[in-house]
Amino acid sequence: MKKKLYLCLLVLALLFLTPWHGAGQRTNSARQTWEYRVEEAPNYPNGSFVDPDKAQQLLNQRGAEGWELIAVAGGQPLFYFRRAK
């Protein structure tokens, strides 16, 4: 039992003493710049609800173009995209 306790304490000590760097953080001083795009979510022909098939097609198309979906908002949903310049 004491061996397990000592092992846990050792692991915790190593975790706290190890320098942490944020995952994916840039090490250079240049900041990433973005371009943004906003589009209405595609609706069914009667305009009442978002058409999930057309929305999926739009999202896949924008993804293939390098756009990343970053938010969906609004009563008539808007898709907010960004991509690196």
PDB file of N, CA and C in Angstrom:
ATOM      1  N   MET A   1       0.815  -1.183   0.000  1.00  0.00           N
ATOM      2  CA  MET A   1       0.000   0.000   0.000  1.00  0.00           C
ATOM      3  C   MET A   1       0.864   1.255   0.000  1.00  0.00           C
ATOM      4  N   LYS A   2       1.932   1.236   0.810  1.00  0.00           N
ATOM      5  CA  LYS A   2       2.826   2.395   0.868  1.00  0.00           C
ATOM      6  C   LYS A   2       3.546   2.593  -0.460  1.00  0.00           C
ATOM      7  N   LYS A   3       3.859   1.487  -1.148  1.00  0.00           N
ATOM      8  CA  LYS A   3       4.547   1.601  -2.433  1.00  0.00           C
ATOM      9  C   LYS A   3       3.665   2.336  -3.443  1.00  0.00           C
ATOM     10  N   LYS A   4       2.377   2.029  -3.456  1.00  0.00           N
ATOM     11  CA  LYS A   4       1.461   2.696  -4.382  1.00  0.00           C
ATOM     12  C   LYS A   4       1.347   4.180  -4.052  1.00  0.00           C
ATOM     13  N   LEU A   5       1.306   4.489  -2.764  1.00  0.00           N
ATOM     14  CA  LEU A   5       1.224   5.882  -2.343  1.00  0.00           C
ATOM     15  C   LEU A   5       2.479   6.641  -2.765  1.00  0.00           C
ATOM     16  N   TYR A   6       3.643   6.056  -2.545  1.00  0.00           N
ATOM     17  CA  TYR A   6       4.896   6.701  -2.934  1.00  0.00           C
ATOM     18  C   TYR A   6       4.987   6.858  -4.452  1.00  0.00           C
ATOM     19  N   LEU A   7       4.514   5.868  -5.175  1.00  0.00           N
ATOM     20  CA  LEU A   7       4.533   5.946  -6.636  1.00  0.00           C
ATOM     21  C   LEU A   7       3.627   7.078  -7.123  1.00  0.00           C
ATOM     22  N   CYS A   8       2.435   7.196  -6.542  1.00  0.00           N
ATOM     23  CA  CYS A   8       1.516   8.281  -6.900  1.00  0.00           C
ATOM     24  C   CYS A   8       2.130   9.643  -6.582  1.00  0.00           C
ATOM     25  N   LEU A   9       2.753   9.763  -5.431  1.00  0.00           N
ATOM     26  CA  LEU A   9       3.390  11.018  -5.062  1.00  0.00           C
ATOM     27  C   LEU A   9       4.536  11.370  -5.996  1.00  0.00           C
ATOM     28  N   LEU A  10       5.286  10.368  -6.395  1.00  0.00           N
ATOM     29  CA  LEU A  10       6.387  10.586  -7.330  1.00  0.00           C
ATOM     30  C   LEU A  10       5.865  11.071  -8.677  1.00  0.00           C
ATOM     31  N   VAL A  11       4.816  10.436  -9.172  1.00  0.00           N
ATOM     32  CA  VAL A  11       4.233  10.845 -10.453  1.00  0.00           C
ATOM     33  C   VAL A  11       3.707  12.270 -10.361  1.00  0.00           C
ATOM     34  N   LEU A  12       3.014  12.596  -9.290  1.00  0.00           N
ATOM     35  CA  LEU A  12       2.502  13.955  -9.116  1.00  0.00           C
ATOM     36  C   LEU A  12       3.634  14.971  -9.037  1.00  0.00           C
ATOM     37  N   ALA A  13       4.694  14.640  -8.326  1.00  0.00           N
ATOM     38  CA  ALA A  13       5.834  15.541  -8.212  1.00  0.00           C
ATOM     39  C   ALA A  13       6.461  15.783  -9.586  1.00  0.00           C
ATOM     40  N   LEU A  14       6.594  14.738 -10.377  1.00  0.00           N
ATOM     41  CA  LEU A  14       7.161  14.888 -11.720  1.00  0.00           C
ATOM     42  C   LEU A  14       6.253  15.742 -12.605  1.00  0.00           C
ATOM     43  N   LEU A  15       4.958  15.561 -12.464  1.00  0.00           N
ATOM     44  CA  LEU A  15       4.030  16.362 -13.264  1.00  0.00           C
ATOM     45  C   LEU A  15       4.134  17.849 -12.915  1.00  0.00           C
ATOM     46  N   PHE A  16       4.249  18.149 -11.637  1.00  0.00           N
ATOM     47  CA  PHE A  16       4.321  19.550 -11.222  1.00  0.00           C
ATOM     48  C   PHE A  16       5.671  20.171 -11.510  1.00  0.00           C
ATOM     49  N   LEU A  17       6.704  19.381 -11.575  1.00  0.00           N
ATOM     50  CA  LEU A  17       8.032  19.922 -11.823  1.00  0.00           C
ATOM     51  C   LEU A  17       8.370  20.011 -13.305  1.00  0.00           C
ATOM     52  N   THR A  18       7.606  19.343 -14.157  1.00  0.00           N
ATOM     53  CA  THR A  18       7.846  19.364 -15.594  1.00  0.00           C
ATOM     54  C   THR A  18       7.334  20.676 -16.171  1.00  0.00           C
ATOM     55  N   PRO A  19       8.160  21.378 -16.942  1.00  0.00           N
ATOM     56  CA  PRO A  19       7.680  22.630 -17.550  1.00  0.00           C
ATOM     57  C   PRO A  19       6.624  22.323 -18.605  1.00  0.00           C
ATOM     58  N   TRP A  20       5.532  23.048 -18.545  1.00  0.00           N
ATOM     59  CA  TRP A  20       4.431  22.830 -19.485  1.00  0.00           C
ATOM     60  C   TRP A  20       4.433  23.919 -20.538  1.00  0.00           C
ATOM     61  N   HIS A  21       4.204  23.501 -21.748  1.00  0.00           N
ATOM     62  CA  HIS A  21       4.033  24.427 -22.862  1.00  0.00           C
ATOM     63  C   HIS A  21       2.664  24.147 -23.437  1.00  0.00           C
ATOM     64  N   GLY A  22       1.922  25.200 -23.776  1.00  0.00           N
ATOM     65  CA  GLY A  22       0.581  25.022 -24.326  1.00  0.00           C
ATOM     66  C   GLY A  22       0.621  24.217 -25.608  1.00  0.00           C
ATOM     67  N   ALA A  23      -0.307  23.307 -25.744  1.00  0.00           N
ATOM     68  CA  ALA A  23      -0.373  22.486 -26.953  1.00  0.00           C
ATOM     69  C   ALA A  23      -0.674  23.391 -28.144  1.00  0.00           C
ATOM     70  N   GLY A  24       0.125  23.280 -29.160  1.00  0.00           N
ATOM     71  CA  GLY A  24      -0.117  24.033 -30.376  1.00  0.00           C
ATOM     72  C   GLY A  24       0.278  25.496 -30.305  1.00  0.00           C
ATOM     73  N   GLN A  25       0.918  25.927 -29.229  1.00  0.00           N
ATOM     74  CA  GLN A  25       1.325  27.325 -29.157  1.00  0.00           C
ATOM     75  C   GLN A  25       2.457  27.582 -30.127  1.00  0.00           C
ATOM     76  N   ARG A  26       2.417  28.751 -30.690  1.00  0.00           N
ATOM     77  CA  ARG A  26       3.483  29.144 -31.615  1.00  0.00           C
ATOM     78  C   ARG A  26       4.695  29.613 -30.816  1.00  0.00           C
ATOM     79  N   THR A  27       5.856  29.213 -31.282  1.00  0.00           N
ATOM     80  CA  THR A  27       7.068  29.627 -30.591  1.00  0.00           C
ATOM     81  C   THR A  27       7.652  30.899 -31.203  1.00  0.00           C
ATOM     82  N   ASN A  28       7.232  31.218 -32.440  1.00  0.00           N
ATOM     83  CA  ASN A  28       7.762  32.436 -33.040  1.00  0.00           C
ATOM     84  C   ASN A  28       6.902  33.626 -32.618  1.00  0.00           C
ATOM     85  N   SER A  29       7.395  34.809 -32.877  1.00  0.00           N
ATOM     86  CA  SER A  29       6.698  36.007 -32.424  1.00  0.00           C
ATOM     87  C   SER A  29       5.636  36.480 -33.408  1.00  0.00           C
ATOM     88  N   ALA A  30       5.572  35.896 -34.601  1.00  0.00           N
ATOM     89  CA  ALA A  30       4.584  36.318 -35.597  1.00  0.00           C
ATOM     90  C   ALA A  30       3.193  35.847 -35.177  1.00  0.00           C
ATOM     91  N   ARG A  31       2.236  36.754 -35.275  1.00  0.00           N
ATOM     92  CA  ARG A  31       0.856  36.412 -34.933  1.00  0.00           C
ATOM     93  C   ARG A  31       0.129  35.917 -36.173  1.00  0.00           C
ATOM     94  N   GLN A  32      -0.728  34.949 -35.978  1.00  0.00           N
ATOM     95  CA  GLN A  32      -1.542  34.432 -37.075  1.00  0.00           C
ATOM     96  C   GLN A  32      -2.621  35.448 -37.420  1.00  0.00           C
ATOM     97  N   THR A  33      -2.828  35.687 -38.707  1.00  0.00           N
ATOM     98  CA  THR A  33      -3.924  36.549 -39.131  1.00  0.00           C
ATOM     99  C   THR A  33      -4.979  35.701 -39.814  1.00  0.00           C
ATOM    100  N   TRP A  34      -6.221  36.142 -39.713  1.00  0.00           N
ATOM    101  CA  TRP A  34      -7.351  35.359 -40.195  1.00  0.00           C
ATOM    102  C   TRP A  34      -8.207  36.183 -41.142  1.00  0.00           C
ATOM    103  N   GLU A  35      -8.887  35.491 -42.030  1.00  0.00           N
ATOM    104  CA  GLU A  35      -9.973  36.106 -42.777  1.00  0.00           C
ATOM    105  C   GLU A  35     -11.242  35.388 -42.355  1.00  0.00           C
ATOM    106  N   TYR A  36     -12.355  36.108 -42.385  1.00  0.00           N
ATOM    107  CA  TYR A  36     -13.610  35.586 -41.860  1.00  0.00           C
ATOM    108  C   TYR A  36     -14.681  35.576 -42.929  1.00  0.00           C
ATOM    109  N   ARG A  37     -15.654  34.700 -42.733  1.00  0.00           N
ATOM    110  CA  ARG A  37     -16.771  34.566 -43.669  1.00  0.00           C
ATOM    111  C   ARG A  37     -18.016  34.246 -42.857  1.00  0.00           C
ATOM    112  N   VAL A  38     -19.143  34.870 -43.200  1.00  0.00           N
ATOM    113  CA  VAL A  38     -20.414  34.619 -42.527  1.00  0.00           C
ATOM    114  C   VAL A  38     -21.428  34.225 -43.594  1.00  0.00           C
ATOM    115  N   GLU A  39     -22.137  33.120 -43.362  1.00  0.00           N
ATOM    116  CA  GLU A  39     -23.152  32.654 -44.304  1.00  0.00           C
ATOM    117  C   GLU A  39     -24.394  32.210 -43.554  1.00  0.00           C
ATOM    118  N   GLU A  40     -25.551  32.414 -44.183  1.00  0.00           N
ATOM    119  CA  GLU A  40     -26.788  31.907 -43.613  1.00  0.00           C
ATOM    120  C   GLU A  40     -26.828  30.397 -43.794  1.00  0.00           C
ATOM    121  N   ALA A  41     -27.347  29.713 -42.797  1.00  0.00           N
ATOM    122  CA  ALA A  41     -27.534  28.268 -42.913  1.00  0.00           C
ATOM    123  C   ALA A  41     -28.616  28.015 -43.959  1.00  0.00           C
ATOM    124  N   PRO A  42     -28.434  27.031 -44.848  1.00  0.00           N
ATOM    125  CA  PRO A  42     -29.444  26.770 -45.879  1.00  0.00           C
ATOM    126  C   PRO A  42     -30.724  26.197 -45.265  1.00  0.00           C
ATOM    127  N   ASN A  43     -31.864  26.702 -45.744  1.00  0.00           N
ATOM    128  CA  ASN A  43     -33.163  26.271 -45.240  1.00  0.00           C
ATOM    129  C   ASN A  43     -33.848  25.313 -46.211  1.00  0.00           C
ATOM    130  N   TYR A  44     -34.892  24.669 -45.705  1.00  0.00           N
ATOM    131  CA  TYR A  44     -35.796  23.929 -46.583  1.00  0.00           C
ATOM    132  C   TYR A  44     -36.449  24.942 -47.519  1.00  0.00           C
ATOM    133  N   PRO A  45     -37.024  24.480 -48.655  1.00  0.00           N
ATOM    134  CA  PRO A  45     -37.634  25.421 -49.603  1.00  0.00           C
ATOM    135  C   PRO A  45     -38.688  26.348 -48.981  1.00  0.00           C
ATOM    136  N   ASN A  46     -39.431  25.874 -47.976  1.00  0.00           N
ATOM    137  CA  ASN A  46     -40.435  26.749 -47.353  1.00  0.00           C
ATOM    138  C   ASN A  46     -39.800  27.744 -46.383  1.00  0.00           C
ATOM    139  N   GLY A  47     -38.509  27.618 -46.137  1.00  0.00           N
ATOM    140  CA  GLY A  47     -37.775  28.571 -45.325  1.00  0.00           C
ATOM    141  C   GLY A  47     -37.964  28.458 -43.831  1.00  0.00           C
ATOM    142  N   SER A  48     -38.624  27.395 -43.372  1.00  0.00           N
ATOM    143  CA  SER A  48     -38.954  27.327 -41.954  1.00  0.00           C
ATOM    144  C   SER A  48     -37.839  26.761 -41.082  1.00  0.00           C
ATOM    145  N   PHE A  49     -37.094  25.790 -41.578  1.00  0.00           N
ATOM    146  CA  PHE A  49     -36.062  25.135 -40.771  1.00  0.00           C
ATOM    147  C   PHE A  49     -34.794  24.950 -41.584  1.00  0.00           C
ATOM    148  N   VAL A  50     -33.688  24.774 -40.876  1.00  0.00           N
ATOM    149  CA  VAL A  50     -32.413  24.496 -41.544  1.00  0.00           C
ATOM    150  C   VAL A  50     -32.478  23.107 -42.165  1.00  0.00           C
ATOM    151  N   ASP A  51     -32.076  23.024 -43.428  1.00  0.00           N
ATOM    152  CA  ASP A  51     -32.023  21.742 -44.136  1.00  0.00           C
ATOM    153  C   ASP A  51     -30.695  21.076 -43.774  1.00  0.00           C
ATOM    154  N   PRO A  52     -30.715  19.993 -42.967  1.00  0.00           N
ATOM    155  CA  PRO A  52     -29.456  19.405 -42.510  1.00  0.00           C
ATOM    156  C   PRO A  52     -28.586  18.854 -43.633  1.00  0.00           C
ATOM    157  N   ASP A  53     -29.204  18.325 -44.703  1.00  0.00           N
ATOM    158  CA  ASP A  53     -28.400  17.801 -45.809  1.00  0.00           C
ATOM    159  C   ASP A  53     -27.650  18.918 -46.532  1.00  0.00           C
ATOM    160  N   LYS A  54     -28.359  20.012 -46.797  1.00  0.00           N
ATOM    161  CA  LYS A  54     -27.701  21.145 -47.471  1.00  0.00           C
ATOM    162  C   LYS A  54     -26.682  21.808 -46.546  1.00  0.00           C
ATOM    163  N   ALA A  55     -26.987  21.863 -45.250  1.00  0.00           N
ATOM    164  CA  ALA A  55     -26.033  22.438 -44.294  1.00  0.00           C
ATOM    165  C   ALA A  55     -24.755  21.605 -44.267  1.00  0.00           C
ATOM    166  N   GLN A  56     -24.907  20.280 -44.259  1.00  0.00           N
ATOM    167  CA  GLN A  56     -23.737  19.403 -44.249  1.00  0.00           C
ATOM    168  C   GLN A  56     -22.915  19.587 -45.521  1.00  0.00           C
ATOM    169  N   GLN A  57     -23.585  19.707 -46.669  1.00  0.00           N
ATOM    170  CA  GLN A  57     -22.868  19.935 -47.930  1.00  0.00           C
ATOM    171  C   GLN A  57     -22.085  21.246 -47.875  1.00  0.00           C
ATOM    172  N   LEU A  58     -22.745  22.294 -47.373  1.00  0.00           N
ATOM    173  CA  LEU A  58     -22.078  23.598 -47.271  1.00  0.00           C
ATOM    174  C   LEU A  58     -20.868  23.529 -46.345  1.00  0.00           C
ATOM    175  N   LEU A  59     -21.041  22.894 -45.184  1.00  0.00           N
ATOM    176  CA  LEU A  59     -19.932  22.798 -44.224  1.00  0.00           C
ATOM    177  C   LEU A  59     -18.768  21.997 -44.803  1.00  0.00           C
ATOM    178  N   ASN A  60     -19.071  20.893 -45.494  1.00  0.00           N
ATOM    179  CA  ASN A  60     -18.005  20.095 -46.112  1.00  0.00           C
ATOM    180  C   ASN A  60     -17.297  20.870 -47.214  1.00  0.00           C
ATOM    181  N   GLN A  61     -18.069  21.623 -47.991  1.00  0.00           N
ATOM    182  CA  GLN A  61     -17.474  22.424 -49.067  1.00  0.00           C
ATOM    183  C   GLN A  61     -16.546  23.492 -48.488  1.00  0.00           C
ATOM    184  N   ARG A  62     -17.018  24.208 -47.482  1.00  0.00           N
ATOM    185  CA  ARG A  62     -16.180  25.246 -46.876  1.00  0.00           C
ATOM    186  C   ARG A  62     -14.943  24.633 -46.212  1.00  0.00           C
ATOM    187  N   GLY A  63     -15.099  23.479 -45.584  1.00  0.00           N
ATOM    188  CA  GLY A  63     -13.950  22.799 -44.988  1.00  0.00           C
ATOM    189  C   GLY A  63     -12.906  22.433 -46.029  1.00  0.00           C
ATOM    190  N   ALA A  64     -13.358  21.959 -47.191  1.00  0.00           N
ATOM    191  CA  ALA A  64     -12.431  21.616 -48.272  1.00  0.00           C
ATOM    192  C   ALA A  64     -11.701  22.851 -48.797  1.00  0.00           C
ATOM    193  N   GLU A  65     -12.325  24.015 -48.653  1.00  0.00           N
ATOM    194  CA  GLU A  65     -11.700  25.269 -49.083  1.00  0.00           C
ATOM    195  C   GLU A  65     -10.780  25.850 -48.009  1.00  0.00           C
ATOM    196  N   GLY A  66     -10.685  25.166 -46.875  1.00  0.00           N
ATOM    197  CA  GLY A  66      -9.790  25.617 -45.812  1.00  0.00           C
ATOM    198  C   GLY A  66     -10.464  26.442 -44.728  1.00  0.00           C
ATOM    199  N   TRP A  67     -11.794  26.584 -44.790  1.00  0.00           N
ATOM    200  CA  TRP A  67     -12.514  27.348 -43.778  1.00  0.00           C
ATOM    201  C   TRP A  67     -12.801  26.480 -42.571  1.00  0.00           C
ATOM    202  N   GLU A  68     -12.720  27.080 -41.408  1.00  0.00           N
ATOM    203  CA  GLU A  68     -12.999  26.407 -40.132  1.00  0.00           C
ATOM    204  C   GLU A  68     -14.254  27.042 -39.531  1.00  0.00           C
ATOM    205  N   LEU A  69     -15.253  26.216 -39.187  1.00  0.00           N
ATOM    206  CA  LEU A  69     -16.457  26.725 -38.543  1.00  0.00           C
ATOM    207  C   LEU A  69     -16.106  27.090 -37.110  1.00  0.00           C
ATOM    208  N   ILE A  70     -16.364  28.348 -36.729  1.00  0.00           N
ATOM    209  CA  ILE A  70     -16.009  28.775 -35.373  1.00  0.00           C
ATOM    210  C   ILE A  70     -17.222  29.107 -34.520  1.00  0.00           C
ATOM    211  N   ALA A  71     -18.396  29.325 -35.164  1.00  0.00           N
ATOM    212  CA  ALA A  71     -19.596  29.629 -34.374  1.00  0.00           C
ATOM    213  C   ALA A  71     -20.834  29.476 -35.238  1.00  0.00           C
ATOM    214  N   VAL A  72     -21.945  29.211 -34.563  1.00  0.00           N
ATOM    215  CA  VAL A  72     -23.266  29.214 -35.187  1.00  0.00           C
ATOM    216  C   VAL A  72     -24.149  30.035 -34.266  1.00  0.00           C
ATOM    217  N   ALA A  73     -24.838  31.034 -34.821  1.00  0.00           N
ATOM    218  CA  ALA A  73     -25.629  31.913 -33.958  1.00  0.00           C
ATOM    219  C   ALA A  73     -26.815  32.480 -34.723  1.00  0.00           C
ATOM    220  N   GLY A  74     -27.786  32.950 -33.974  1.00  0.00           N
ATOM    221  CA  GLY A  74     -28.909  33.681 -34.537  1.00  0.00           C
ATOM    222  C   GLY A  74     -30.175  32.856 -34.660  1.00  0.00           C
ATOM    223  N   GLY A  75     -31.313  33.563 -34.768  1.00  0.00           N
ATOM    224  CA  GLY A  75     -32.604  32.908 -34.969  1.00  0.00           C
ATOM    225  C   GLY A  75     -32.631  32.227 -36.322  1.00  0.00           C
ATOM    226  N   GLN A  76     -32.229  32.956 -37.371  1.00  0.00           N
ATOM    227  CA  GLN A  76     -31.944  32.343 -38.671  1.00  0.00           C
ATOM    228  C   GLN A  76     -30.452  32.050 -38.604  1.00  0.00           C
ATOM    229  N   PRO A  77     -30.088  30.804 -38.323  1.00  0.00           N
ATOM    230  CA  PRO A  77     -28.684  30.530 -38.010  1.00  0.00           C
ATOM    231  C   PRO A  77     -27.695  31.063 -39.044  1.00  0.00           C
ATOM    232  N   LEU A  78     -26.647  31.640 -38.522  1.00  0.00           N
ATOM    233  CA  LEU A  78     -25.532  32.096 -39.336  1.00  0.00           C
ATOM    234  C   LEU A  78     -24.326  31.235 -39.002  1.00  0.00           C
ATOM    235  N   PHE A  79     -23.596  30.837 -40.029  1.00  0.00           N
ATOM    236  CA  PHE A  79     -22.354  30.086 -39.854  1.00  0.00           C
ATOM    237  C   PHE A  79     -21.209  31.092 -39.932  1.00  0.00           C
ATOM    238  N   TYR A  80     -20.344  31.080 -38.930  1.00  0.00           N
ATOM    239  CA  TYR A  80     -19.165  31.938 -38.904  1.00  0.00           C
ATOM    240  C   TYR A  80     -17.940  31.067 -39.149  1.00  0.00           C
ATOM    241  N   PHE A  81     -17.181  31.422 -40.178  1.00  0.00           N
ATOM    242  CA  PHE A  81     -15.995  30.667 -40.563  1.00  0.00           C
ATOM    243  C   PHE A  81     -14.765  31.560 -40.464  1.00  0.00           C
ATOM    244  N   ARG A  82     -13.608  30.914 -40.364  1.00  0.00           N
ATOM    245  CA  ARG A  82     -12.338  31.628 -40.485  1.00  0.00           C
ATOM    246  C   ARG A  82     -11.323  30.711 -41.144  1.00  0.00           C
ATOM    247  N   ARG A  83     -10.311  31.331 -41.736  1.00  0.00           N
ATOM    248  CA  ARG A  83      -9.169  30.570 -42.261  1.00  0.00           C
ATOM    249  C   ARG A  83      -7.950  31.466 -42.219  1.00  0.00           C
ATOM    250  N   ALA A  84      -6.813  30.829 -42.149  1.00  0.00           N
ATOM    251  CA  ALA A  84      -5.554  31.567 -42.076  1.00  0.00           C
ATOM    252  C   ALA A  84      -5.309  32.289 -43.385  1.00  0.00           C
ATOM    253  N   LYS A  85      -4.773  33.497 -43.254  1.00  0.00           N
ATOM    254  CA  LYS A  85      -4.421  34.267 -44.459  1.00  0.00           C
ATOM    255  C   LYS A  85      -3.113  33.773 -45.010  1.00  0.00           C
TER     256      LYS A  85
END
